[in-house]
Amino acid sequence: MTRAELKTRAKQKLSGNWGWAVGLIAVFYVFGILLSFFTFITSGVVTGILAANLYFAFLHLVDGRKDDNIFNALFAGFRENRAGSFVLTWLLQTIFIFLWNLLLVVPGIIKFYSYSMSYYIVDDLKRQGKELGASEAITRSRRLMDGHKFELFVLDLSFLGWAILCIFTLGIGYLWLAPYVQATRAEFYRSLVAQNPAALAD
């Protein structure tokens, strides 16, 4: 599926749901501001976990099973028996990417994209009733993204123009851009799984 097709599908899913999507991002930003008054580590950890929850929220939107309650959506990773696998995946992914970045920036970026489907995979596998090992979602993401990391990198770059324009809105434009990016990324994941169903079946 081309970048244009992914973006079109994302906009179709967001149609009629923009109020929900913008509200979700706004609540996330408010939490981030409130958390900034705590210690750097506490703020970073909690904000990181909340940011990871957005993957679940927008995957549910793309799949047609949106969590209507914004707060339920923001904490989707802790619902439906996903909490343990979700937090462990977040922790390991954060540590791995940090360690790769200590070596060089480029390997860190490559690993970021290699592991980028992990949260979606946690959601799908837990819905299938499968138990996940400590690093299983990360391993499956790495396999799923083999040969596709640059595609996602270019997809992300395609939003750069919008991101620059958002600067001139004092950041308010990001309330609309962030849902667009998140929904497009969720569509990207679904397109990869459609190409490689075995990624979730074995």
N, C-alpha and C. Protein backbone atom coordinates (compact mmCIF):
# COMPACT_ATOMS: atom_id res chain seq x y z
N MET A 1 0.85 -1.19 0.00
CA MET A 1 0.00 0.00 0.00
C MET A 1 0.89 1.25 0.00
N THR A 2 0.56 2.21 -0.86
CA THR A 2 1.38 3.41 -0.97
C THR A 2 1.15 4.35 0.22
N ARG A 3 2.07 5.33 0.36
CA ARG A 3 1.92 6.32 1.43
C ARG A 3 0.61 7.08 1.28
N ALA A 4 0.28 7.44 0.04
CA ALA A 4 -0.96 8.19 -0.19
C ALA A 4 -2.18 7.36 0.22
N GLU A 5 -2.14 6.07 -0.08
CA GLU A 5 -3.27 5.21 0.28
C GLU A 5 -3.38 5.07 1.80
N LEU A 6 -2.25 4.93 2.47
CA LEU A 6 -2.27 4.82 3.93
C LEU A 6 -2.86 6.09 4.56
N LYS A 7 -2.44 7.23 4.05
CA LYS A 7 -2.93 8.50 4.60
C LYS A 7 -4.42 8.68 4.31
N THR A 8 -4.84 8.27 3.13
CA THR A 8 -6.26 8.37 2.78
C THR A 8 -7.11 7.50 3.71
N ARG A 9 -6.65 6.29 3.96
CA ARG A 9 -7.37 5.40 4.87
C ARG A 9 -7.41 5.98 6.29
N ALA A 10 -6.29 6.57 6.71
CA ALA A 10 -6.24 7.18 8.04
C ALA A 10 -7.25 8.31 8.15
N LYS A 11 -7.31 9.17 7.14
CA LYS A 11 -8.25 10.29 7.16
C LYS A 11 -9.70 9.80 7.13
N GLN A 12 -9.94 8.70 6.43
CA GLN A 12 -11.29 8.13 6.41
C GLN A 12 -11.70 7.65 7.80
N LYS A 13 -10.76 7.02 8.52
CA LYS A 13 -11.06 6.53 9.87
C LYS A 13 -11.24 7.70 10.85
N LEU A 14 -10.52 8.79 10.60
CA LEU A 14 -10.62 9.95 11.48
C LEU A 14 -11.87 10.79 11.19
N SER A 15 -12.42 10.63 9.99
CA SER A 15 -13.61 11.38 9.63
C SER A 15 -14.74 11.07 10.61
N GLY A 16 -15.29 12.09 11.22
CA GLY A 16 -16.33 11.90 12.23
C GLY A 16 -15.78 11.60 13.61
N ASN A 17 -14.47 11.44 13.70
CA ASN A 17 -13.82 11.13 14.98
C ASN A 17 -12.76 12.16 15.36
N TRP A 18 -12.72 13.28 14.65
CA TRP A 18 -11.68 14.28 14.92
C TRP A 18 -11.82 14.86 16.33
N GLY A 19 -13.05 15.08 16.77
CA GLY A 19 -13.24 15.62 18.12
C GLY A 19 -12.66 14.71 19.18
N TRP A 20 -12.92 13.41 19.02
CA TRP A 20 -12.38 12.40 19.94
C TRP A 20 -10.86 12.39 19.88
N ALA A 21 -10.31 12.39 18.65
CA ALA A 21 -8.87 12.29 18.46
C ALA A 21 -8.15 13.51 19.02
N VAL A 22 -8.65 14.69 18.72
CA VAL A 22 -8.03 15.92 19.22
C VAL A 22 -8.14 15.99 20.74
N GLY A 23 -9.31 15.58 21.26
CA GLY A 23 -9.49 15.56 22.72
C GLY A 23 -8.52 14.62 23.39
N LEU A 24 -8.29 13.46 22.78
CA LEU A 24 -7.37 12.48 23.33
C LEU A 24 -5.95 13.04 23.40
N ILE A 25 -5.50 13.66 22.32
CA ILE A 25 -4.16 14.24 22.29
C ILE A 25 -4.06 15.40 23.28
N ALA A 26 -5.12 16.20 23.38
CA ALA A 26 -5.12 17.33 24.31
C ALA A 26 -4.98 16.85 25.75
N VAL A 27 -5.71 15.78 26.11
CA VAL A 27 -5.63 15.23 27.47
C VAL A 27 -4.23 14.69 27.72
N PHE A 28 -3.65 14.05 26.71
CA PHE A 28 -2.28 13.55 26.85
C PHE A 28 -1.31 14.70 27.12
N TYR A 29 -1.45 15.80 26.39
CA TYR A 29 -0.58 16.95 26.60
C TYR A 29 -0.76 17.55 27.99
N VAL A 30 -2.02 17.60 28.45
CA VAL A 30 -2.28 18.13 29.79
C VAL A 30 -1.59 17.27 30.85
N PHE A 31 -1.69 15.95 30.70
CA PHE A 31 -1.00 15.05 31.62
C PHE A 31 0.50 15.31 31.57
N GLY A 32 1.02 15.52 30.37
CA GLY A 32 2.45 15.77 30.23
C GLY A 32 2.88 17.04 30.96
N ILE A 33 2.06 18.08 30.86
CA ILE A 33 2.37 19.34 31.55
C ILE A 33 2.33 19.14 33.06
N LEU A 34 1.30 18.44 33.54
CA LEU A 34 1.18 18.21 34.98
C LEU A 34 2.33 17.36 35.50
N LEU A 35 2.74 16.37 34.70
CA LEU A 35 3.82 15.48 35.12
C LEU A 35 5.17 16.19 35.15
N SER A 36 5.28 17.28 34.40
CA SER A 36 6.54 18.01 34.34
C SER A 36 6.92 18.61 35.70
N PHE A 37 5.96 18.68 36.63
CA PHE A 37 6.24 19.21 37.95
C PHE A 37 6.87 18.16 38.88
N PHE A 38 6.90 16.91 38.41
CA PHE A 38 7.52 15.84 39.19
C PHE A 38 8.98 15.70 38.79
N THR A 39 9.67 14.75 39.38
CA THR A 39 11.07 14.53 39.04
C THR A 39 11.20 14.13 37.58
N PHE A 40 12.37 14.36 37.02
CA PHE A 40 12.61 14.09 35.60
C PHE A 40 12.33 12.63 35.27
N ILE A 41 12.81 11.71 36.11
CA ILE A 41 12.65 10.28 35.85
C ILE A 41 11.17 9.90 35.91
N THR A 42 10.48 10.33 36.97
CA THR A 42 9.06 10.01 37.11
C THR A 42 8.26 10.56 35.94
N SER A 43 8.51 11.82 35.61
CA SER A 43 7.81 12.46 34.50
C SER A 43 8.08 11.73 33.19
N GLY A 44 9.34 11.37 32.94
CA GLY A 44 9.71 10.71 31.70
C GLY A 44 9.09 9.33 31.57
N VAL A 45 9.10 8.58 32.66
CA VAL A 45 8.55 7.22 32.63
C VAL A 45 7.05 7.24 32.38
N VAL A 46 6.33 8.03 33.17
CA VAL A 46 4.87 8.05 33.05
C VAL A 46 4.45 8.63 31.70
N THR A 47 5.10 9.70 31.26
CA THR A 47 4.78 10.28 29.95
C THR A 47 5.06 9.29 28.83
N GLY A 48 6.17 8.55 28.95
CA GLY A 48 6.50 7.54 27.95
C GLY A 48 5.46 6.44 27.87
N ILE A 49 4.98 6.00 29.03
CA ILE A 49 3.97 4.95 29.06
C ILE A 49 2.66 5.45 28.47
N LEU A 50 2.29 6.70 28.80
CA LEU A 50 1.06 7.27 28.24
C LEU A 50 1.18 7.43 26.73
N ALA A 51 2.35 7.84 26.26
CA ALA A 51 2.57 7.99 24.82
C ALA A 51 2.43 6.65 24.11
N ALA A 52 2.93 5.60 24.74
CA ALA A 52 2.82 4.26 24.15
C ALA A 52 1.36 3.82 24.09
N ASN A 53 0.55 4.26 25.05
CA ASN A 53 -0.87 3.91 25.04
C ASN A 53 -1.59 4.46 23.82
N LEU A 54 -1.06 5.56 23.25
CA LEU A 54 -1.69 6.13 22.07
C LEU A 54 -1.66 5.16 20.90
N TYR A 55 -0.66 4.29 20.86
CA TYR A 55 -0.60 3.28 19.81
C TYR A 55 -1.84 2.39 19.87
N PHE A 56 -2.19 1.96 21.08
CA PHE A 56 -3.38 1.13 21.25
C PHE A 56 -4.63 1.89 20.83
N ALA A 57 -4.76 3.13 21.30
CA ALA A 57 -5.96 3.92 21.06
C ALA A 57 -6.23 4.08 19.57
N PHE A 58 -5.20 4.40 18.81
CA PHE A 58 -5.42 4.64 17.38
C PHE A 58 -5.48 3.35 16.58
N LEU A 59 -4.88 2.28 17.06
CA LEU A 59 -5.09 0.98 16.42
C LEU A 59 -6.55 0.57 16.57
N HIS A 60 -7.11 0.80 17.75
CA HIS A 60 -8.53 0.48 17.98
C HIS A 60 -9.41 1.32 17.07
N LEU A 61 -9.05 2.57 16.87
CA LEU A 61 -9.82 3.43 15.96
C LEU A 61 -9.79 2.87 14.56
N VAL A 62 -8.60 2.53 14.07
CA VAL A 62 -8.42 2.00 12.72
C VAL A 62 -9.18 0.69 12.54
N ASP A 63 -9.23 -0.10 13.60
CA ASP A 63 -9.90 -1.40 13.55
C ASP A 63 -11.41 -1.30 13.72
N GLY A 64 -11.92 -0.10 13.97
CA GLY A 64 -13.35 0.09 14.16
C GLY A 64 -13.85 -0.30 15.53
N ARG A 65 -12.97 -0.29 16.52
CA ARG A 65 -13.36 -0.63 17.89
C ARG A 65 -12.84 0.45 18.86
N LYS A 66 -13.09 1.67 18.47
CA LYS A 66 -12.62 2.84 19.22
C LYS A 66 -13.13 2.82 20.66
N ASP A 67 -12.25 3.17 21.61
CA ASP A 67 -12.65 3.37 22.99
C ASP A 67 -13.25 4.78 23.10
N ASP A 68 -14.57 4.88 23.15
CA ASP A 68 -15.23 6.19 23.10
C ASP A 68 -14.81 7.11 24.24
N ASN A 69 -14.62 6.53 25.42
CA ASN A 69 -14.19 7.33 26.56
C ASN A 69 -12.70 7.66 26.39
N ILE A 70 -12.40 8.94 26.33
CA ILE A 70 -11.02 9.36 26.08
C ILE A 70 -10.04 8.83 27.12
N PHE A 71 -10.47 8.80 28.38
CA PHE A 71 -9.58 8.33 29.44
C PHE A 71 -9.35 6.82 29.33
N ASN A 72 -10.38 6.09 28.95
CA ASN A 72 -10.20 4.65 28.70
C ASN A 72 -9.22 4.44 27.55
N ALA A 73 -9.33 5.28 26.51
CA ALA A 73 -8.44 5.16 25.36
C ALA A 73 -7.00 5.46 25.76
N LEU A 74 -6.81 6.48 26.59
CA LEU A 74 -5.46 6.87 26.98
C LEU A 74 -4.78 5.83 27.85
N PHE A 75 -5.59 5.00 28.50
CA PHE A 75 -5.02 3.94 29.36
C PHE A 75 -5.36 2.55 28.80
N ALA A 76 -5.52 2.48 27.48
CA ALA A 76 -5.93 1.23 26.84
C ALA A 76 -4.93 0.10 27.08
N GLY A 77 -3.66 0.43 27.25
CA GLY A 77 -2.66 -0.61 27.46
C GLY A 77 -2.82 -1.34 28.77
N PHE A 78 -3.59 -0.76 29.70
CA PHE A 78 -3.76 -1.38 31.01
C PHE A 78 -5.08 -2.15 31.11
N ARG A 79 -5.80 -2.25 30.02
CA ARG A 79 -7.08 -2.91 30.03
C ARG A 79 -7.02 -4.25 29.30
N GLU A 80 -8.04 -5.07 29.50
CA GLU A 80 -8.18 -6.35 28.81
C GLU A 80 -6.96 -7.25 28.99
N ASN A 81 -6.43 -7.28 30.21
CA ASN A 81 -5.34 -8.19 30.55
C ASN A 81 -4.07 -7.95 29.75
N ARG A 82 -3.83 -6.68 29.38
CA ARG A 82 -2.63 -6.36 28.61
C ARG A 82 -1.55 -5.71 29.45
N ALA A 83 -1.87 -5.29 30.66
CA ALA A 83 -0.98 -4.42 31.44
C ALA A 83 0.43 -4.96 31.59
N GLY A 84 0.55 -6.20 32.05
CA GLY A 84 1.88 -6.77 32.30
C GLY A 84 2.72 -6.83 31.04
N SER A 85 2.15 -7.36 29.95
CA SER A 85 2.89 -7.47 28.69
C SER A 85 3.23 -6.10 28.12
N PHE A 86 2.28 -5.17 28.26
CA PHE A 86 2.48 -3.82 27.73
C PHE A 86 3.62 -3.12 28.45
N VAL A 87 3.59 -3.09 29.77
CA VAL A 87 4.61 -2.37 30.54
C VAL A 87 5.98 -3.01 30.33
N LEU A 88 6.03 -4.34 30.32
CA LEU A 88 7.31 -5.03 30.12
C LEU A 88 7.87 -4.73 28.73
N THR A 89 7.00 -4.74 27.73
CA THR A 89 7.44 -4.42 26.37
C THR A 89 7.96 -2.99 26.30
N TRP A 90 7.22 -2.06 26.93
CA TRP A 90 7.66 -0.66 26.94
C TRP A 90 9.03 -0.53 27.61
N LEU A 91 9.19 -1.20 28.75
CA LEU A 91 10.44 -1.10 29.50
C LEU A 91 11.62 -1.65 28.69
N LEU A 92 11.45 -2.84 28.12
CA LEU A 92 12.54 -3.45 27.35
C LEU A 92 12.85 -2.63 26.10
N GLN A 93 11.81 -2.17 25.42
CA GLN A 93 12.03 -1.39 24.21
C GLN A 93 12.78 -0.10 24.53
N THR A 94 12.40 0.56 25.60
CA THR A 94 13.06 1.80 26.01
C THR A 94 14.53 1.56 26.34
N ILE A 95 14.79 0.48 27.09
CA ILE A 95 16.17 0.15 27.46
C ILE A 95 17.00 -0.20 26.23
N PHE A 96 16.44 -1.04 25.35
CA PHE A 96 17.19 -1.45 24.16
C PHE A 96 17.55 -0.26 23.28
N ILE A 97 16.57 0.61 23.02
CA ILE A 97 16.82 1.76 22.16
C ILE A 97 17.83 2.70 22.81
N PHE A 98 17.72 2.88 24.12
CA PHE A 98 18.67 3.74 24.84
C PHE A 98 20.09 3.19 24.70
N LEU A 99 20.24 1.88 24.87
CA LEU A 99 21.57 1.28 24.78
C LEU A 99 22.13 1.38 23.36
N TRP A 100 21.27 1.20 22.36
CA TRP A 100 21.73 1.35 20.98
C TRP A 100 22.16 2.78 20.70
N ASN A 101 21.43 3.73 21.27
CA ASN A 101 21.78 5.14 21.07
C ASN A 101 23.10 5.50 21.74
N LEU A 102 23.47 4.75 22.78
CA LEU A 102 24.75 5.00 23.42
C LEU A 102 25.91 4.67 22.48
N LEU A 103 25.66 3.72 21.58
CA LEU A 103 26.69 3.35 20.61
C LEU A 103 26.81 4.44 19.55
N LEU A 104 25.74 4.64 18.83
CA LEU A 104 25.68 5.68 17.80
C LEU A 104 24.22 6.05 17.58
N VAL A 105 23.98 7.24 17.09
CA VAL A 105 22.61 7.70 16.88
C VAL A 105 21.91 6.87 15.79
N VAL A 106 22.60 6.62 14.69
CA VAL A 106 21.98 5.91 13.57
C VAL A 106 21.49 4.51 13.95
N PRO A 107 22.32 3.68 14.64
CA PRO A 107 21.80 2.38 15.07
C PRO A 107 20.59 2.52 15.99
N GLY A 108 20.58 3.57 16.81
CA GLY A 108 19.43 3.80 17.68
C GLY A 108 18.18 4.08 16.90
N ILE A 109 18.30 4.87 15.83
CA ILE A 109 17.14 5.18 14.98
C ILE A 109 16.65 3.92 14.27
N ILE A 110 17.60 3.12 13.78
CA ILE A 110 17.24 1.89 13.09
C ILE A 110 16.47 0.96 14.02
N LYS A 111 16.94 0.83 15.26
CA LYS A 111 16.27 -0.04 16.22
C LYS A 111 14.91 0.54 16.62
N PHE A 112 14.80 1.86 16.68
CA PHE A 112 13.52 2.48 16.98
C PHE A 112 12.48 2.03 15.96
N TYR A 113 12.85 2.04 14.69
CA TYR A 113 11.91 1.61 13.65
C TYR A 113 11.73 0.09 13.65
N SER A 114 12.77 -0.63 13.98
CA SER A 114 12.68 -2.08 14.04
C SER A 114 11.68 -2.54 15.10
N TYR A 115 11.64 -1.82 16.23
CA TYR A 115 10.77 -2.20 17.35
C TYR A 115 9.42 -1.48 17.33
N SER A 116 9.18 -0.66 16.32
CA SER A 116 8.04 0.26 16.34
C SER A 116 6.67 -0.39 16.29
N MET A 117 6.58 -1.66 15.91
CA MET A 117 5.29 -2.34 15.84
C MET A 117 4.98 -3.14 17.11
N SER A 118 5.85 -3.05 18.11
CA SER A 118 5.74 -3.90 19.31
C SER A 118 4.41 -3.74 20.03
N TYR A 119 3.97 -2.50 20.24
CA TYR A 119 2.74 -2.28 21.02
C TYR A 119 1.52 -2.81 20.27
N TYR A 120 1.48 -2.61 18.96
CA TYR A 120 0.38 -3.14 18.17
C TYR A 120 0.33 -4.67 18.31
N ILE A 121 1.51 -5.28 18.28
CA ILE A 121 1.58 -6.74 18.37
C ILE A 121 1.11 -7.23 19.73
N VAL A 122 1.48 -6.51 20.80
CA VAL A 122 0.98 -6.85 22.13
C VAL A 122 -0.53 -6.87 22.12
N ASP A 123 -1.13 -5.85 21.56
CA ASP A 123 -2.59 -5.74 21.53
C ASP A 123 -3.21 -6.91 20.77
N ASP A 124 -2.69 -7.20 19.59
CA ASP A 124 -3.26 -8.26 18.77
C ASP A 124 -3.11 -9.64 19.42
N LEU A 125 -1.92 -9.92 19.93
CA LEU A 125 -1.68 -11.24 20.51
C LEU A 125 -2.49 -11.46 21.79
N LYS A 126 -2.61 -10.42 22.61
CA LYS A 126 -3.41 -10.56 23.83
C LYS A 126 -4.88 -10.77 23.50
N ARG A 127 -5.36 -10.13 22.44
CA ARG A 127 -6.74 -10.34 22.02
C ARG A 127 -6.95 -11.76 21.52
N GLN A 128 -5.89 -12.38 21.01
CA GLN A 128 -5.97 -13.77 20.56
C GLN A 128 -5.81 -14.75 21.73
N GLY A 129 -5.59 -14.22 22.92
CA GLY A 129 -5.45 -15.06 24.10
C GLY A 129 -4.08 -15.68 24.24
N LYS A 130 -3.08 -15.14 23.55
CA LYS A 130 -1.74 -15.69 23.60
C LYS A 130 -0.92 -15.05 24.71
N GLU A 131 -0.09 -15.84 25.35
CA GLU A 131 0.82 -15.34 26.37
C GLU A 131 2.12 -14.89 25.70
N LEU A 132 2.63 -13.75 26.12
CA LEU A 132 3.83 -13.20 25.51
C LEU A 132 5.02 -13.36 26.44
N GLY A 133 6.14 -13.79 25.87
CA GLY A 133 7.38 -13.81 26.63
C GLY A 133 7.90 -12.40 26.81
N ALA A 134 8.96 -12.26 27.58
CA ALA A 134 9.48 -10.95 27.95
C ALA A 134 9.76 -10.06 26.75
N SER A 135 10.35 -10.60 25.71
CA SER A 135 10.72 -9.78 24.55
C SER A 135 10.05 -10.24 23.26
N GLU A 136 8.97 -11.02 23.39
CA GLU A 136 8.37 -11.63 22.20
C GLU A 136 7.82 -10.58 21.23
N ALA A 137 7.11 -9.56 21.75
CA ALA A 137 6.54 -8.54 20.87
C ALA A 137 7.63 -7.79 20.13
N ILE A 138 8.74 -7.52 20.82
CA ILE A 138 9.87 -6.82 20.20
C ILE A 138 10.48 -7.69 19.10
N THR A 139 10.63 -8.99 19.38
CA THR A 139 11.20 -9.91 18.39
C THR A 139 10.31 -10.01 17.16
N ARG A 140 9.01 -10.11 17.40
CA ARG A 140 8.07 -10.20 16.27
C ARG A 140 8.06 -8.90 15.47
N SER A 141 8.16 -7.77 16.16
CA SER A 141 8.22 -6.49 15.47
C SER A 141 9.46 -6.41 14.59
N ARG A 142 10.57 -6.86 15.13
CA ARG A 142 11.82 -6.83 14.36
C ARG A 142 11.68 -7.65 13.08
N ARG A 143 11.03 -8.82 13.19
CA ARG A 143 10.84 -9.66 12.01
C ARG A 143 9.86 -9.02 11.03
N LEU A 144 8.78 -8.47 11.57
CA LEU A 144 7.76 -7.86 10.73
C LEU A 144 8.31 -6.65 9.96
N MET A 145 9.21 -5.91 10.61
CA MET A 145 9.75 -4.69 10.01
C MET A 145 10.97 -4.95 9.12
N ASP A 146 11.41 -6.20 9.04
CA ASP A 146 12.54 -6.54 8.19
C ASP A 146 12.23 -6.14 6.74
N GLY A 147 13.01 -5.22 6.21
CA GLY A 147 12.79 -4.75 4.85
C GLY A 147 11.78 -3.62 4.74
N HIS A 148 11.23 -3.17 5.88
CA HIS A 148 10.19 -2.13 5.85
C HIS A 148 10.53 -0.91 6.71
N LYS A 149 11.67 -0.96 7.35
CA LYS A 149 12.03 0.17 8.25
C LYS A 149 12.15 1.49 7.49
N PHE A 150 12.78 1.44 6.32
CA PHE A 150 12.96 2.67 5.56
C PHE A 150 11.61 3.19 5.06
N GLU A 151 10.68 2.29 4.75
CA GLU A 151 9.34 2.71 4.31
C GLU A 151 8.67 3.55 5.40
N LEU A 152 8.75 3.08 6.64
CA LEU A 152 8.13 3.81 7.74
C LEU A 152 8.87 5.12 8.00
N PHE A 153 10.18 5.10 7.86
CA PHE A 153 10.97 6.31 8.04
C PHE A 153 10.54 7.39 7.03
N VAL A 154 10.39 6.98 5.78
CA VAL A 154 9.97 7.92 4.73
C VAL A 154 8.52 8.37 4.99
N LEU A 155 7.68 7.46 5.47
CA LEU A 155 6.30 7.82 5.80
C LEU A 155 6.29 8.91 6.87
N ASP A 156 7.12 8.73 7.89
CA ASP A 156 7.21 9.74 8.95
C ASP A 156 7.71 11.08 8.39
N LEU A 157 8.71 11.01 7.51
CA LEU A 157 9.25 12.24 6.92
C LEU A 157 8.20 12.98 6.10
N SER A 158 7.24 12.26 5.56
CA SER A 158 6.22 12.90 4.72
C SER A 158 5.32 13.85 5.51
N PHE A 159 5.38 13.76 6.85
CA PHE A 159 4.61 14.66 7.69
C PHE A 159 5.42 15.89 8.11
N LEU A 160 6.67 15.96 7.67
CA LEU A 160 7.56 17.01 8.14
C LEU A 160 7.04 18.41 7.78
N GLY A 161 6.50 18.55 6.58
CA GLY A 161 5.97 19.85 6.18
C GLY A 161 4.86 20.32 7.09
N TRP A 162 3.95 19.40 7.43
CA TRP A 162 2.86 19.74 8.35
C TRP A 162 3.41 20.10 9.72
N ALA A 163 4.43 19.36 10.15
CA ALA A 163 5.02 19.63 11.47
C ALA A 163 5.61 21.03 11.52
N ILE A 164 6.26 21.44 10.44
CA ILE A 164 6.85 22.79 10.40
C ILE A 164 5.75 23.85 10.45
N LEU A 165 4.67 23.61 9.71
CA LEU A 165 3.55 24.56 9.73
C LEU A 165 2.94 24.67 11.13
N CYS A 166 2.92 23.55 11.85
CA CYS A 166 2.34 23.55 13.20
C CYS A 166 3.10 24.46 14.15
N ILE A 167 4.38 24.65 13.88
CA ILE A 167 5.19 25.54 14.72
C ILE A 167 4.61 26.95 14.70
N PHE A 168 4.11 27.35 13.54
CA PHE A 168 3.57 28.71 13.40
C PHE A 168 2.17 28.86 14.01
N THR A 169 1.61 27.76 14.50
CA THR A 169 0.32 27.83 15.22
C THR A 169 0.55 27.76 16.72
N LEU A 170 1.81 27.98 17.12
CA LEU A 170 2.20 27.88 18.55
C LEU A 170 1.97 26.47 19.10
N GLY A 171 2.07 25.51 18.23
CA GLY A 171 1.94 24.11 18.64
C GLY A 171 0.52 23.58 18.63
N ILE A 172 -0.47 24.44 18.46
CA ILE A 172 -1.87 23.99 18.51
C ILE A 172 -2.16 23.02 17.36
N GLY A 173 -1.52 23.24 16.22
CA GLY A 173 -1.75 22.36 15.08
C GLY A 173 -1.40 20.91 15.33
N TYR A 174 -0.51 20.67 16.30
CA TYR A 174 -0.12 19.29 16.61
C TYR A 174 -1.30 18.48 17.16
N LEU A 175 -2.31 19.16 17.69
CA LEU A 175 -3.49 18.46 18.18
C LEU A 175 -4.20 17.73 17.05
N TRP A 176 -4.05 18.23 15.83
CA TRP A 176 -4.62 17.58 14.65
C TRP A 176 -3.60 16.72 13.93
N LEU A 177 -2.35 17.15 13.92
CA LEU A 177 -1.33 16.38 13.22
C LEU A 177 -1.05 15.06 13.92
N ALA A 178 -0.97 15.06 15.25
CA ALA A 178 -0.64 13.83 15.99
C ALA A 178 -1.64 12.71 15.71
N PRO A 179 -2.96 12.96 15.72
CA PRO A 179 -3.89 11.88 15.37
C PRO A 179 -3.70 11.37 13.95
N TYR A 180 -3.42 12.29 13.03
CA TYR A 180 -3.20 11.93 11.63
C TYR A 180 -2.00 10.99 11.51
N VAL A 181 -0.92 11.32 12.20
CA VAL A 181 0.29 10.48 12.18
C VAL A 181 0.01 9.13 12.83
N GLN A 182 -0.64 9.15 13.99
CA GLN A 182 -0.91 7.91 14.72
C GLN A 182 -1.82 6.97 13.92
N ALA A 183 -2.85 7.52 13.31
CA ALA A 183 -3.77 6.69 12.53
C ALA A 183 -3.08 6.12 11.30
N THR A 184 -2.23 6.92 10.67
CA THR A 184 -1.49 6.45 9.49
C THR A 184 -0.52 5.34 9.86
N ARG A 185 0.14 5.48 11.01
CA ARG A 185 1.06 4.44 11.46
C ARG A 185 0.30 3.14 11.76
N ALA A 186 -0.88 3.26 12.35
CA ALA A 186 -1.69 2.07 12.63
C ALA A 186 -2.10 1.39 11.32
N GLU A 187 -2.42 2.19 10.32
CA GLU A 187 -2.75 1.63 9.00
C GLU A 187 -1.52 0.95 8.40
N PHE A 188 -0.35 1.52 8.60
CA PHE A 188 0.88 0.92 8.11
C PHE A 188 1.06 -0.47 8.74
N TYR A 189 0.82 -0.56 10.04
CA TYR A 189 0.94 -1.85 10.73
C TYR A 189 -0.04 -2.86 10.13
N ARG A 190 -1.29 -2.44 9.95
CA ARG A 190 -2.29 -3.36 9.40
C ARG A 190 -1.91 -3.83 8.01
N SER A 191 -1.30 -2.95 7.22
CA SER A 191 -0.89 -3.34 5.87
C SER A 191 0.25 -4.36 5.93
N LEU A 192 1.16 -4.21 6.90
CA LEU A 192 2.25 -5.18 7.05
C LEU A 192 1.71 -6.55 7.45
N VAL A 193 0.77 -6.56 8.39
CA VAL A 193 0.20 -7.83 8.85
C VAL A 193 -0.56 -8.50 7.71
N ALA A 194 -1.24 -7.71 6.88
CA ALA A 194 -1.95 -8.28 5.73
C ALA A 194 -0.98 -8.94 4.76
N GLN A 195 0.22 -8.36 4.64
CA GLN A 195 1.24 -8.94 3.76
C GLN A 195 1.89 -10.17 4.39
N ASN A 196 1.91 -10.21 5.71
CA ASN A 196 2.61 -11.29 6.41
C ASN A 196 1.77 -11.79 7.60
N PRO A 197 0.66 -12.47 7.33
CA PRO A 197 -0.23 -12.94 8.41
C PRO A 197 0.46 -13.86 9.40
N ALA A 198 1.50 -14.56 8.96
CA ALA A 198 2.20 -15.49 9.84
C ALA A 198 2.88 -14.78 11.00
N ALA A 199 3.05 -13.48 10.88
CA ALA A 199 3.72 -12.72 11.95
C ALA A 199 2.95 -12.80 13.26
N LEU A 200 1.62 -13.01 13.17
CA LEU A 200 0.80 -13.11 14.36
C LEU A 200 0.26 -14.52 14.56
N ALA A 201 0.44 -15.37 13.58
CA ALA A 201 -0.18 -16.69 13.64
C ALA A 201 0.68 -17.74 14.31
N ASP A 202 2.02 -17.60 14.25
CA ASP A 202 2.87 -18.67 14.77
C ASP A 202 3.05 -18.53 16.28
